[in-house]
Amino acid sequence: MQKLSLRNDNIKTLFIHLTIPAVISQLVTLAYNIIDRIYIGHMPGSGRLALTGAGVCMPITIILSAFAQLVGFGGAPRASAYLGRNNPDAAERTLGTCALFSLCLSAVLTLFTRGFSGEILHLFGASREILPYASSYFNIYVLGTVFVETSVGLAFFISAQGYPMASMVSVLLGAGLNMLLDPILIFGFHMGTAGAAAATVVSQAASCIWVLAFLLGKRGMIRLRIRYLRFDWKLLAAALSLGMSPFVQILTESLISVCFNRSLFRYGGDIPVGAMTIFATVMQFVSLPITGIAQGAQPIISYNHGAGRRDRVGACCGLILCASLTYSVLFWAALSVFPSMFPLIFAEEQRFIAYSASMSGYFFPMLWVMGAQISCQLMFVALGNAKVSLFLALLRKVFLLVPLIFLMPLVTADPVKGIFLAEPISDTLACAATVTLFMQQYRGELFWKKYCTAVQKKLDRHDILSR
């Protein structure tokens, strides 16, 4: 696993080598989550109830993952910036502080979720009928919280040093082991949803061991050292403030899911809720690769921003924007031509497939702007601008989308169509605000070469006139 030079290697070469593993990691994570649901759904006799029970747990598992993002995506850019300033000691202290915080956070989350599991599952919609299935999955899954927080959160520090392949291996190791163990434990040992949860915990433990082995070893520029496993409150505050944006972005996914489902069920019943489940999966197919592009390229931006290399920062930002927007436009075009593509994967009932395909025209017309919106928001994080990134994370989902979900049914002739239209309206407004703010604050980085050329021409003209 060859180390990349964030300071000297060609930007395009760095971008390709860093983003491809990050995108693959995101897609693999998405794929094994879907396969997990397929296995549970095919359990003999109780597949539907078991799948519903596991589905109730999904928003909670997303929340646990959000805490890992809070630590990792906040601390890793800080570490990259310190490396860019030739300060590896501060980078290692950041890693040690974040690692200790992850351990403490894991203990608190485990005790809380186990202690109030019944109340939590009821809050997220578990009925008496599905509560046994949800509980058997949830009570085992939360025992692996420490592995989630460590493997997901600290893996960012591997990519931050220029080792994207090593970070990707941790994801592939966990995903592959989970896919292997799922059918063995669910069907072979007749463990049902408990088997699915146990397979996930074992897989996360394997990923955790891989990440710790790398960070404790000698291959990286920074190492996890025992003497730095202590709280440096200044470094921790800086990391958490920067990680707050992706934390809120992931956390609000649970809020959005609840709001959409309740509003759609009120006005349309089960079928619109089922269509929304498919649409949410489609949104993951769009957002996760774009997130992978931005997160993969984050070390380039953070390191060179810390080193004062504005030309390299601008070049990388331009590549992120182009790649993300190209992907979202192509995905939107394919979905527009084949609107029944995803409904056919997840359903067999023709009436439901037709309904979902027809409603996609109301939900996805502005899907193509997501490339610019997500990438610019995450680039704010890479550049250390925590406050603006947090505001943009709240803007799209909390300030715009949630109110629109409940307002649109009141002002449209068809309430269900109005609910689906809330998504493109919020996407348009949020994208316009995000891109405008990014261009205002970082226009110099994006157009650094043109700026330098223009300044040089002015200096040359002034020199000629002075002579």
Foldseek 3Di string as FASTA:
>chain_A
DDFDDLVDDDLVVLLVVQLVLLLVLLVLVLVLVVVLLVLQLPQPPCNVLLSVLVVLCVLVVLLLLLVLLLLALLLLLVLLLCVLVVNNVVSLLSLLQSLLVLVVVLVVQLCVCLVCVVVSSVVSPDDPSNVVSNCLQRNLLSVLSSLSSQLSNLLLNCLLQRNSVLSSVLSVQLSVQLSVQSCCQCPVVVSRSNSSSNSNSVSSNSSNVSSQVVQCDDPGPHHNDPVSNDHPPVSSVLSSLLSLLSSLLSSCVSVLLVLLQVLCCVQPNDLLNVLVVLVVSLVSVLQSSLVSSLSSCLSSLSSCLSNVNLQSNQVSLVVSLVVSLVSQVVSLVVCVVPVLVRVVVVDDDPVSSVVSSVLCVLQCPQSSLVSQLNNLLSVCSSNSNSPVSNVLSCQLRPVQLSVQLVVQLVVDPRSSSSNSNSNNVSSVVSSVVSVVVSCVVSVCSNCVVVVVVVVVVVVVVVVVVVD
